[in-house]
Amino acid sequence: MAWYDNFFSGLVQEAWKAAQTDEQTELECDFLNDILELQPGQRVLDVFCGHGRHALELARMGYAVTGVDISPESIEELQRAAEREDLPVEGHLGDFLTTSLGNDYEGAYCLGNSFSFFPHDQMLAFLRKIADHLVSGGQFVADTAMIAESVLPDFQERSWMQIGDITFLMENEYDLQESCINAQLTYLRNGQTLQRQAKHYVYTMAELQRLFSQAGFTVTEKYSNLDGSDFLLGDDRLLLIAQKNG
């Protein structure tokens, strides 16, 4: 069983949702709309879709979106919202690595910092599966805050965050042998305490580019922000754009 199989529920989900704003979602969807260069009606794959904040907004723009997530409560919320608005969104519950997908897609994305969940062999399989379900020339957008050039210059062993009425503590330990961050997460609210453990595998930019190449992609852009700023050492976010090879 993978560490993330039963991770996304309860306070974890509530904290994540509370940390996202409608403005942020709108800006990210505008970014995807510009980068993916799709026409209304074309098919988009949302990898680790969560409760569908991007999938639903892109469907409102006219795209047909398929979302995959391992959280039952997230997929249920996505499907309810799509049915309520009669939006062209299809939710698949399951582990992306083993979930069967249907049609080829003109574009795909993985936003929200779930991109770092896999060790090397699984990461390659993950990228190959995305490539296999993209049409030739299709674009994929990957979002991560766990690339080595972001994490290691100022590694944080302990940090606190207040998200609405939820207090969130992250305690990190870096595994040199695995190039992996083992995180102990604690969520506190009104006397309720929830603890979870997570793993984030850390890749250098060069490693990521080699993995994308092996999976059948060409990396075309590396941004640090939605405004298209180039990614530089120490930037806390990477938006990597890759195109499936013909």
Protein backbone atom coordinates (compact mmCIF):
# COMPACT_ATOMS: atom_id res chain seq x y z
CA MET A 1 0.00 0.00 0.00
CA ALA A 2 1.34 3.44 -0.94
CA TRP A 3 1.55 6.12 1.75
CA TYR A 4 -1.01 8.27 -0.08
CA ASP A 5 -3.71 5.57 -0.33
CA ASN A 6 -5.57 6.75 2.79
CA PHE A 7 -3.95 10.15 3.25
CA PHE A 8 -6.51 12.48 1.70
CA SER A 9 -9.48 12.61 4.03
CA GLY A 10 -10.91 14.57 6.94
CA LEU A 11 -8.89 17.53 8.21
CA VAL A 12 -6.27 17.00 5.50
CA GLN A 13 -8.84 17.72 2.82
CA GLU A 14 -10.42 20.57 4.75
CA ALA A 15 -7.06 22.28 5.26
CA TRP A 16 -6.11 21.92 1.60
CA LYS A 17 -9.41 23.34 0.39
CA ALA A 18 -9.24 26.24 2.86
CA ALA A 19 -5.74 27.13 1.63
CA GLN A 20 -6.92 27.61 -1.97
CA THR A 21 -8.73 30.74 -3.12
CA ASP A 22 -11.13 31.30 -5.99
CA GLU A 23 -8.74 33.91 -7.36
CA GLN A 24 -5.85 31.45 -7.35
CA THR A 25 -7.96 28.83 -9.12
CA GLU A 26 -9.05 31.33 -11.76
CA LEU A 27 -5.45 32.45 -12.40
CA GLU A 28 -4.22 28.86 -12.66
CA CYS A 29 -7.01 27.92 -15.08
CA ASP A 30 -6.26 30.97 -17.23
CA PHE A 31 -2.62 29.81 -17.27
CA LEU A 32 -3.66 26.29 -18.32
CA ASN A 33 -5.96 27.72 -20.97
CA ASP A 34 -3.08 29.72 -22.45
CA ILE A 35 -0.45 26.97 -22.24
CA LEU A 36 -2.49 23.99 -23.43
CA GLU A 37 -3.75 25.90 -26.49
CA LEU A 38 -6.96 23.89 -26.74
CA GLN A 39 -10.24 24.46 -28.53
CA PRO A 40 -13.63 24.22 -26.80
CA GLY A 41 -14.83 20.62 -26.70
CA GLN A 42 -11.35 19.12 -26.62
CA ARG A 43 -10.41 16.64 -23.92
CA VAL A 44 -8.24 17.44 -20.91
CA LEU A 45 -6.82 15.07 -18.28
CA ASP A 46 -6.60 16.33 -14.68
CA VAL A 47 -4.11 14.14 -12.79
CA PHE A 48 -4.80 14.09 -9.02
CA CYS A 49 -7.87 16.28 -9.50
CA GLY A 50 -8.90 16.53 -5.84
CA HIS A 51 -12.38 18.00 -5.46
CA GLY A 52 -12.11 19.45 -8.95
CA ARG A 53 -11.40 23.13 -8.54
CA HIS A 54 -9.49 23.18 -11.85
CA ALA A 55 -11.56 20.54 -13.64
CA LEU A 56 -14.83 22.34 -12.97
CA GLU A 57 -13.51 25.75 -14.01
CA LEU A 58 -12.01 24.37 -17.23
CA ALA A 59 -15.30 22.61 -17.98
CA ARG A 60 -17.04 25.98 -17.59
CA MET A 61 -14.62 27.25 -20.26
CA GLY A 62 -15.94 24.56 -22.59
CA TYR A 63 -13.47 21.69 -22.27
CA ALA A 64 -14.32 18.05 -21.61
CA VAL A 65 -12.35 17.13 -18.48
CA THR A 66 -11.49 13.75 -17.00
CA GLY A 67 -10.21 13.84 -13.41
CA VAL A 68 -8.44 11.05 -11.54
CA ASP A 69 -8.01 10.98 -7.76
CA ILE A 70 -7.55 8.40 -5.00
CA SER A 71 -9.83 10.17 -2.49
CA PRO A 72 -13.46 8.92 -2.50
CA GLU A 73 -14.75 12.08 -0.84
CA SER A 74 -13.01 14.28 -3.41
CA ILE A 75 -14.39 12.36 -6.38
CA GLU A 76 -17.87 12.37 -4.85
CA GLU A 77 -17.70 16.15 -4.38
CA LEU A 78 -16.44 16.60 -7.95
CA GLN A 79 -19.22 14.49 -9.41
CA ARG A 80 -21.92 16.24 -7.39
CA ALA A 81 -20.70 19.66 -8.55
CA ALA A 82 -20.47 18.54 -12.19
CA GLU A 83 -24.00 17.09 -12.09
CA ARG A 84 -25.36 20.19 -10.38
CA GLU A 85 -24.02 22.45 -13.16
CA ASP A 86 -24.37 19.87 -15.94
CA LEU A 87 -20.67 20.17 -16.78
CA PRO A 88 -18.66 17.80 -19.04
CA VAL A 89 -16.53 16.39 -16.22
CA GLU A 90 -15.88 12.72 -15.59
CA GLY A 91 -14.33 11.60 -12.29
CA HIS A 92 -12.31 8.39 -11.91
CA LEU A 93 -11.64 7.05 -8.42
CA GLY A 94 -8.35 5.20 -8.01
CA ASP A 95 -4.56 5.25 -8.05
CA PHE A 96 -3.50 6.96 -11.28
CA LEU A 97 -0.78 4.36 -11.89
CA THR A 98 -3.35 1.55 -12.09
CA THR A 99 -6.56 3.31 -13.14
CA SER A 100 -7.84 2.55 -16.64
CA LEU A 101 -8.45 5.63 -18.77
CA GLY A 102 -10.44 5.96 -21.96
CA ASN A 103 -9.86 8.35 -24.81
CA ASP A 104 -6.68 10.13 -25.76
CA TYR A 105 -6.46 13.71 -24.53
CA GLU A 106 -5.33 16.91 -26.19
CA GLY A 107 -3.85 18.24 -22.93
CA ALA A 108 -3.05 17.19 -19.36
CA TYR A 109 -1.94 18.77 -16.12
CA CYS A 110 -0.93 17.91 -12.56
CA LEU A 111 -1.33 20.94 -10.29
CA GLY A 112 -1.32 21.20 -6.50
CA ASN A 113 2.10 19.75 -5.64
CA SER A 114 1.19 16.06 -5.94
CA PHE A 115 3.84 15.59 -8.63
CA SER A 116 6.51 14.48 -6.12
CA PHE A 117 4.79 11.32 -4.82
CA PHE A 118 6.80 8.71 -6.75
CA PRO A 119 10.31 7.20 -6.59
CA HIS A 120 12.28 6.95 -9.82
CA ASP A 121 10.78 3.80 -11.38
CA GLN A 122 7.21 4.82 -10.56
CA MET A 123 7.80 8.38 -11.72
CA LEU A 124 8.91 7.09 -15.10
CA ALA A 125 5.84 4.84 -15.30
CA PHE A 126 3.67 7.80 -14.24
CA LEU A 127 5.04 10.05 -16.99
CA ARG A 128 4.81 7.31 -19.60
CA LYS A 129 1.16 6.74 -18.75
CA ILE A 130 0.41 10.42 -19.25
CA ALA A 131 2.29 10.40 -22.55
CA ASP A 132 0.43 7.27 -23.67
CA HIS A 133 -2.89 9.07 -23.18
CA LEU A 134 -1.91 12.30 -24.94
CA VAL A 135 -2.24 12.90 -28.66
CA SER A 136 0.97 13.65 -30.55
CA GLY A 137 2.00 17.22 -29.75
CA GLY A 138 -0.24 17.35 -26.67
CA GLN A 139 0.98 19.51 -23.79
CA PHE A 140 1.42 18.48 -20.16
CA VAL A 141 1.80 20.96 -17.27
CA ALA A 142 3.48 19.76 -14.06
CA ASP A 143 3.44 21.84 -10.88
CA THR A 144 5.83 21.14 -7.99
CA ALA A 145 7.44 22.82 -5.00
CA MET A 146 9.63 19.78 -4.31
CA ILE A 147 12.31 20.07 -6.97
CA ALA A 148 15.84 20.01 -5.48
CA GLU A 149 16.62 23.54 -6.64
CA SER A 150 13.63 24.77 -4.61
CA VAL A 151 13.86 22.62 -1.48
CA LEU A 152 17.54 22.20 -0.70
CA PRO A 153 18.91 25.78 -0.70
CA ASP A 154 16.77 26.57 2.38
CA PHE A 155 15.60 23.24 3.76
CA GLN A 156 12.94 23.68 6.45
CA GLU A 157 12.89 20.97 9.13
CA ARG A 158 9.86 22.43 10.93
CA SER A 159 7.17 24.91 9.97
CA TRP A 160 3.79 26.06 11.30
CA MET A 161 0.86 27.38 9.29
CA GLN A 162 -2.58 28.69 10.24
CA ILE A 163 -5.27 27.83 7.67
CA GLY A 164 -8.58 29.27 8.78
CA ASP A 165 -9.35 27.56 12.09
CA ILE A 166 -6.89 24.69 11.40
CA THR A 167 -3.33 24.81 12.75
CA PHE A 168 -0.89 22.84 10.61
CA LEU A 169 2.58 21.63 11.67
CA MET A 170 5.03 20.08 9.21
CA GLU A 171 8.16 18.31 10.48
CA ASN A 172 10.55 17.24 7.71
CA GLU A 173 13.46 14.81 7.66
CA TYR A 174 15.60 14.48 4.55
CA ASP A 175 16.61 10.94 3.55
CA LEU A 176 19.95 11.25 1.74
CA GLN A 177 19.89 7.67 0.46
CA GLU A 178 16.50 8.05 -1.21
CA SER A 179 16.55 11.80 -1.95
CA CYS A 180 13.21 11.90 -0.21
CA ILE A 181 11.53 14.13 2.36
CA ASN A 182 9.79 12.15 5.08
CA ALA A 183 7.19 14.48 6.53
CA GLN A 184 5.24 14.19 9.77
CA LEU A 185 2.10 16.33 9.46
CA THR A 186 -0.08 17.37 12.38
CA TYR A 187 -3.48 19.07 12.00
CA LEU A 188 -5.12 20.73 15.03
CA ARG A 189 -8.62 22.20 15.38
CA ASN A 190 -10.77 22.75 18.46
CA GLY A 191 -9.08 19.99 20.45
CA GLN A 192 -9.08 17.58 17.50
CA THR A 193 -5.69 16.26 16.40
CA LEU A 194 -4.93 14.36 13.19
CA GLN A 195 -1.49 13.08 12.21
CA ARG A 196 -0.36 11.86 8.81
CA GLN A 197 2.93 10.84 7.24
CA ALA A 198 3.92 11.77 3.72
CA LYS A 199 6.82 11.21 1.33
CA HIS A 200 8.03 13.61 -1.33
CA TYR A 201 10.73 12.45 -3.71
CA VAL A 202 13.17 15.17 -4.69
CA TYR A 203 14.53 15.41 -8.24
CA THR A 204 16.95 17.88 -9.76
CA MET A 205 15.91 19.76 -12.87
CA ALA A 206 18.31 17.66 -14.94
CA GLU A 207 16.85 14.42 -13.54
CA LEU A 208 13.33 15.55 -14.34
CA GLN A 209 14.25 16.47 -17.89
CA ARG A 210 15.86 13.04 -18.42
CA LEU A 211 12.74 11.31 -17.05
CA PHE A 212 10.47 13.36 -19.31
CA SER A 213 12.65 12.53 -22.29
CA GLN A 214 12.57 8.80 -21.50
CA ALA A 215 8.78 8.99 -21.21
CA GLY A 216 8.41 10.53 -24.68
CA PHE A 217 8.23 14.24 -23.86
CA THR A 218 10.25 17.30 -24.74
CA VAL A 219 10.43 19.91 -21.98
CA THR A 220 9.67 23.27 -23.60
CA GLU A 221 9.37 25.75 -20.71
CA LYS A 222 10.27 26.03 -17.02
CA TYR A 223 8.43 28.80 -15.17
CA SER A 224 8.47 29.91 -11.55
CA ASN A 225 5.17 31.75 -11.68
CA LEU A 226 1.89 32.00 -13.55
CA ASP A 227 3.17 35.19 -15.18
CA GLY A 228 5.75 33.19 -17.15
CA SER A 229 8.85 34.18 -15.16
CA ASP A 230 11.79 31.82 -15.77
CA PHE A 231 12.55 29.33 -13.00
CA LEU A 232 15.76 30.16 -11.11
CA LEU A 233 17.68 28.51 -8.28
CA GLY A 234 15.81 29.02 -5.00
CA ASP A 235 12.40 29.74 -6.54
CA ASP A 236 9.73 27.97 -4.52
CA ARG A 237 7.60 26.75 -7.42
CA LEU A 238 8.25 25.06 -10.74
CA LEU A 239 5.69 24.99 -13.55
CA LEU A 240 7.19 22.65 -16.13
CA ILE A 241 5.70 22.49 -19.61
CA ALA A 242 6.32 19.42 -21.76
CA GLN A 243 5.10 18.37 -25.20
CA LYS A 244 4.53 14.80 -26.27
CA ASN A 245 6.87 13.84 -29.07
CA GLY A 246 5.35 13.03 -32.44
